[in-house]
Amino acid sequence: MICVIGGGEWQKPLIEAIQKKGYQVLCINLYSTTEGSKLADYCEIADIKDKQSCLKIVKRYNDKNNIIAVMSDQTDIAVNTVAYINESLGLYGISSDIADKFTDKYKMRQGADKVSVKNPLYKLVRNKKQICDFISKVNFPIVIKPRNSQSSRGVFIIENFQDLDSKIQLSLNESIGYDDILIEEFIDGVEYTVEGISIDGSNRTLAYSQKKTLR
């Protein structure tokens, strides 16, 4: 059996691929009515950001069904939970430390700085005064975003102080487990995504694409 964390439409292809390989799928998702949840052989309801609850479910199934892998796809908020469960059960996967670095946008910026990859100007902030201090140096527009969300939830381009007042709390609400958000200099242009894989220090680019935005 293989456990898939998340059961939306974007996890459906992964679940189908696992089942074609002859494995049963345990899906953990917040809803039982989504496409992936209905497709899986077993579905358990839990918040996929709640590592302990998900681990308890996997352990319960593991006692009877021998879960050989825990994974997800197309969802940032499952990455830390997947890493945590795999570490707890001694299964193969990235460490919690690596998962944290690649889902926390502030730590991503810091990591890029360390290897001399250019970043927009950025700062971690907790209140409006800190944001205003940053704006006084870079001017509008600026971007505010949660440290660790997905699908652009809580991400806003701010053009003026009136917009700022209405958006700060919305962004903070999506910063999972943190009481701060990231503020960045806005850089206009075309956004590209590069997908790749790294094995034993060897990096390979698999695909790149121009991103479409909904606004």
Protein backbone atom coordinates (compact mmCIF):
# COMPACT_ATOMS: atom_id res chain seq x y z
CA MET A 1 0.00 0.00 0.00
CA ILE A 2 1.09 3.57 -0.73
CA CYS A 3 -0.23 6.62 1.09
CA VAL A 4 -0.97 9.80 -0.85
CA ILE A 5 -1.33 12.99 1.16
CA GLY A 6 -3.95 15.19 -0.49
CA GLY A 7 -6.88 14.04 -2.60
CA GLY A 8 -7.83 16.80 -4.99
CA GLU A 9 -7.93 16.74 -8.79
CA TRP A 10 -4.19 17.41 -8.98
CA GLN A 11 -3.42 14.24 -6.98
CA LYS A 12 -5.70 12.10 -9.16
CA PRO A 13 -3.03 11.29 -11.82
CA LEU A 14 -0.61 10.17 -9.09
CA ILE A 15 -3.22 7.90 -7.51
CA GLU A 16 -4.09 6.42 -10.91
CA ALA A 17 -0.42 5.77 -11.68
CA ILE A 18 0.10 4.01 -8.33
CA GLN A 19 -2.96 1.81 -8.84
CA LYS A 20 -1.79 0.86 -12.34
CA LYS A 21 1.38 -0.45 -10.71
CA GLY A 22 -0.79 -2.80 -8.67
CA TYR A 23 -0.70 -0.99 -5.32
CA GLN A 24 -3.62 0.01 -3.14
CA VAL A 25 -3.81 3.69 -2.21
CA LEU A 26 -4.60 5.20 1.16
CA CYS A 27 -5.53 8.85 0.61
CA ILE A 28 -5.54 11.36 3.46
CA ASN A 29 -7.47 14.52 2.62
CA LEU A 30 -9.62 17.15 4.27
CA TYR A 31 -12.62 16.16 2.12
CA SER A 32 -14.01 12.79 1.05
CA THR A 33 -15.85 14.12 -2.01
CA THR A 34 -12.88 15.29 -4.11
CA GLU A 35 -11.66 13.39 -7.18
CA GLY A 36 -8.58 11.84 -5.60
CA SER A 37 -10.37 10.92 -2.39
CA LYS A 38 -13.10 9.05 -4.29
CA LEU A 39 -10.58 7.28 -6.53
CA ALA A 40 -8.39 5.95 -3.72
CA ASP A 41 -8.95 2.49 -2.27
CA TYR A 42 -9.14 3.96 1.22
CA CYS A 43 -9.78 7.55 2.27
CA GLU A 44 -9.27 9.07 5.70
CA ILE A 45 -10.30 12.62 6.61
CA ALA A 46 -7.69 14.87 8.21
CA ASP A 47 -6.07 18.25 7.78
CA ILE A 48 -2.98 17.44 5.70
CA LYS A 49 -1.08 20.22 7.48
CA ASP A 50 -1.58 18.35 10.78
CA LYS A 51 1.48 16.09 10.82
CA GLN A 52 0.58 14.18 13.98
CA SER A 53 -2.96 13.34 12.89
CA CYS A 54 -1.75 12.12 9.50
CA LEU A 55 1.00 10.05 11.10
CA LYS A 56 -1.50 8.34 13.41
CA ILE A 57 -3.63 7.36 10.42
CA VAL A 58 -0.66 5.99 8.48
CA LYS A 59 0.54 4.00 11.51
CA ARG A 60 -2.91 2.47 11.93
CA TYR A 61 -2.96 1.28 8.32
CA ASN A 62 0.70 0.28 8.38
CA ASP A 63 0.08 -2.31 11.09
CA LYS A 64 -2.14 -4.28 8.70
CA ASN A 65 -1.19 -3.28 5.18
CA ASN A 66 2.57 -2.57 5.18
CA ILE A 67 2.74 0.95 3.75
CA ILE A 68 5.89 1.13 1.63
CA ALA A 69 5.80 4.81 0.67
CA VAL A 70 4.17 8.12 1.55
CA MET A 71 4.06 10.80 -1.14
CA SER A 72 2.14 13.65 -2.72
CA ASP A 73 2.13 15.76 -5.86
CA GLN A 74 1.11 19.26 -6.94
CA THR A 75 0.59 20.60 -3.42
CA ASP A 76 3.13 22.54 -1.38
CA ILE A 77 1.26 22.22 1.91
CA ALA A 78 1.67 18.42 1.95
CA VAL A 79 5.46 18.44 1.56
CA ASN A 80 6.32 18.88 5.25
CA THR A 81 3.79 16.27 6.35
CA VAL A 82 5.10 13.74 3.83
CA ALA A 83 8.68 14.31 5.01
CA TYR A 84 7.67 14.05 8.67
CA ILE A 85 5.82 10.74 8.19
CA ASN A 86 8.60 9.20 6.11
CA GLU A 87 11.18 10.15 8.73
CA SER A 88 8.99 8.79 11.54
CA LEU A 89 8.52 5.44 9.78
CA GLY A 90 12.04 5.17 8.36
CA LEU A 91 10.81 5.37 4.76
CA TYR A 92 12.70 6.91 1.84
CA GLY A 93 12.14 10.60 1.19
CA ILE A 94 13.48 14.09 1.73
CA SER A 95 14.21 15.19 5.30
CA SER A 96 12.01 17.56 7.26
CA ASP A 97 14.83 20.11 7.14
CA ILE A 98 14.92 20.03 3.33
CA ALA A 99 11.13 20.11 3.12
CA ASP A 100 11.08 23.19 5.33
CA LYS A 101 13.66 24.98 3.20
CA PHE A 102 11.67 24.40 0.02
CA THR A 103 8.26 25.40 1.37
CA ASP A 104 9.21 28.44 3.48
CA LYS A 105 9.52 31.37 1.05
CA TYR A 106 11.68 33.36 3.46
CA LYS A 107 14.16 30.50 3.80
CA MET A 108 14.13 30.14 0.00
CA ARG A 109 15.23 33.76 -0.31
CA GLN A 110 17.95 33.24 2.27
CA GLY A 111 19.17 30.12 0.48
CA ALA A 112 19.32 31.96 -2.83
CA ASP A 113 21.34 34.74 -1.19
CA LYS A 114 23.87 32.23 0.12
CA VAL A 115 24.63 30.95 -3.39
CA SER A 116 24.56 34.41 -4.98
CA VAL A 117 21.28 33.99 -6.85
CA LYS A 118 19.68 37.41 -7.30
CA ASN A 119 16.57 38.15 -5.27
CA PRO A 120 14.19 41.08 -5.19
CA LEU A 121 14.61 43.17 -2.05
CA TYR A 122 12.72 41.41 0.75
CA LYS A 123 12.07 41.47 4.48
CA LEU A 124 10.21 39.46 7.08
CA VAL A 125 7.57 41.62 8.79
CA ARG A 126 4.99 41.31 11.55
CA ASN A 127 3.11 44.59 11.52
CA LYS A 128 2.17 47.60 9.43
CA LYS A 129 4.99 49.78 10.79
CA GLN A 130 7.63 47.33 9.57
CA ILE A 131 5.91 47.18 6.20
CA CYS A 132 5.79 50.98 5.94
CA ASP A 133 9.51 51.18 6.77
CA PHE A 134 10.18 48.81 3.87
CA ILE A 135 7.93 50.77 1.51
CA SER A 136 9.79 53.98 2.34
CA LYS A 137 12.90 52.39 0.81
CA VAL A 138 11.46 50.69 -2.29
CA ASN A 139 8.13 52.52 -2.92
CA PHE A 140 4.96 50.99 -4.39
CA PRO A 141 4.07 48.55 -5.79
CA ILE A 142 5.21 45.88 -3.35
CA VAL A 143 4.27 42.23 -2.83
CA ILE A 144 3.18 40.66 0.43
CA LYS A 145 2.93 36.90 0.80
CA PRO A 146 2.64 34.18 3.46
CA ARG A 147 5.78 32.27 4.31
CA ASN A 148 4.32 28.90 3.40
CA SER A 149 1.09 28.69 1.47
CA GLN A 150 0.21 27.58 -2.06
CA SER A 151 -1.78 28.56 -5.15
CA SER A 152 -1.06 32.26 -4.48
CA ARG A 153 -3.28 32.21 -1.39
CA GLY A 154 -2.57 35.32 0.63
CA VAL A 155 -0.28 36.78 -2.05
CA PHE A 156 -1.07 40.37 -3.03
CA ILE A 157 0.42 43.12 -5.15
CA ILE A 158 -0.06 46.30 -3.15
CA GLU A 159 -0.37 49.61 -4.99
CA ASN A 160 -1.19 51.96 -2.11
CA PHE A 161 -1.71 52.17 1.66
CA GLN A 162 -5.47 51.66 1.34
CA ASP A 163 -4.91 48.27 -0.28
CA LEU A 164 -2.36 47.42 2.36
CA ASP A 165 -4.77 47.82 5.28
CA SER A 166 -7.23 45.31 3.84
CA LYS A 167 -4.67 42.70 2.81
CA ILE A 168 -2.22 42.34 5.72
CA GLN A 169 -4.45 40.11 7.84
CA LEU A 170 -5.51 38.02 4.84
CA SER A 171 -1.87 37.27 4.15
CA LEU A 172 -1.10 36.53 7.82
CA ASN A 173 -4.03 34.09 7.93
CA GLU A 174 -2.36 31.97 5.25
CA SER A 175 1.10 31.95 6.88
CA ILE A 176 0.82 28.49 8.44
CA GLY A 177 2.38 28.31 11.89
CA TYR A 178 3.94 31.78 11.70
CA ASP A 179 3.01 35.23 12.94
CA ASP A 180 4.91 37.01 10.16
CA ILE A 181 4.79 37.42 6.39
CA LEU A 182 7.22 38.24 3.61
CA ILE A 183 7.28 41.62 1.89
CA GLU A 184 9.12 42.00 -1.41
CA GLU A 185 10.02 44.50 -4.05
CA PHE A 186 7.71 44.06 -7.06
CA ILE A 187 9.49 43.14 -10.28
CA ASP A 188 7.36 43.13 -13.42
CA GLY A 189 7.91 40.71 -16.29
CA VAL A 190 7.24 37.18 -17.54
CA GLU A 191 7.31 34.41 -14.93
CA TYR A 192 8.77 31.01 -15.77
CA THR A 193 8.74 27.73 -13.89
CA VAL A 194 11.58 25.23 -14.13
CA GLU A 195 11.05 21.64 -12.99
CA GLY A 196 14.02 19.44 -12.27
CA ILE A 197 15.47 16.61 -10.23
CA SER A 198 18.69 16.29 -8.26
CA ILE A 199 20.24 12.90 -7.50
CA ASP A 200 23.55 12.59 -5.65
CA GLY A 201 24.49 16.16 -6.54
CA SER A 202 23.68 15.78 -10.24
CA ASN A 203 20.96 18.18 -11.40
CA ARG A 204 18.74 17.61 -14.42
CA THR A 205 16.12 19.96 -15.83
CA LEU A 206 12.96 18.10 -16.80
CA ALA A 207 10.73 20.87 -18.08
CA TYR A 208 10.20 24.60 -18.11
CA SER A 209 7.10 26.64 -18.82
CA GLN A 210 5.72 30.13 -18.88
CA LYS A 211 3.27 30.53 -16.03
CA LYS A 212 -0.28 31.65 -16.49
CA THR A 213 -1.77 33.85 -13.81
CA LEU A 214 -5.37 34.36 -12.85
CA ARG A 215 -5.03 38.10 -12.31
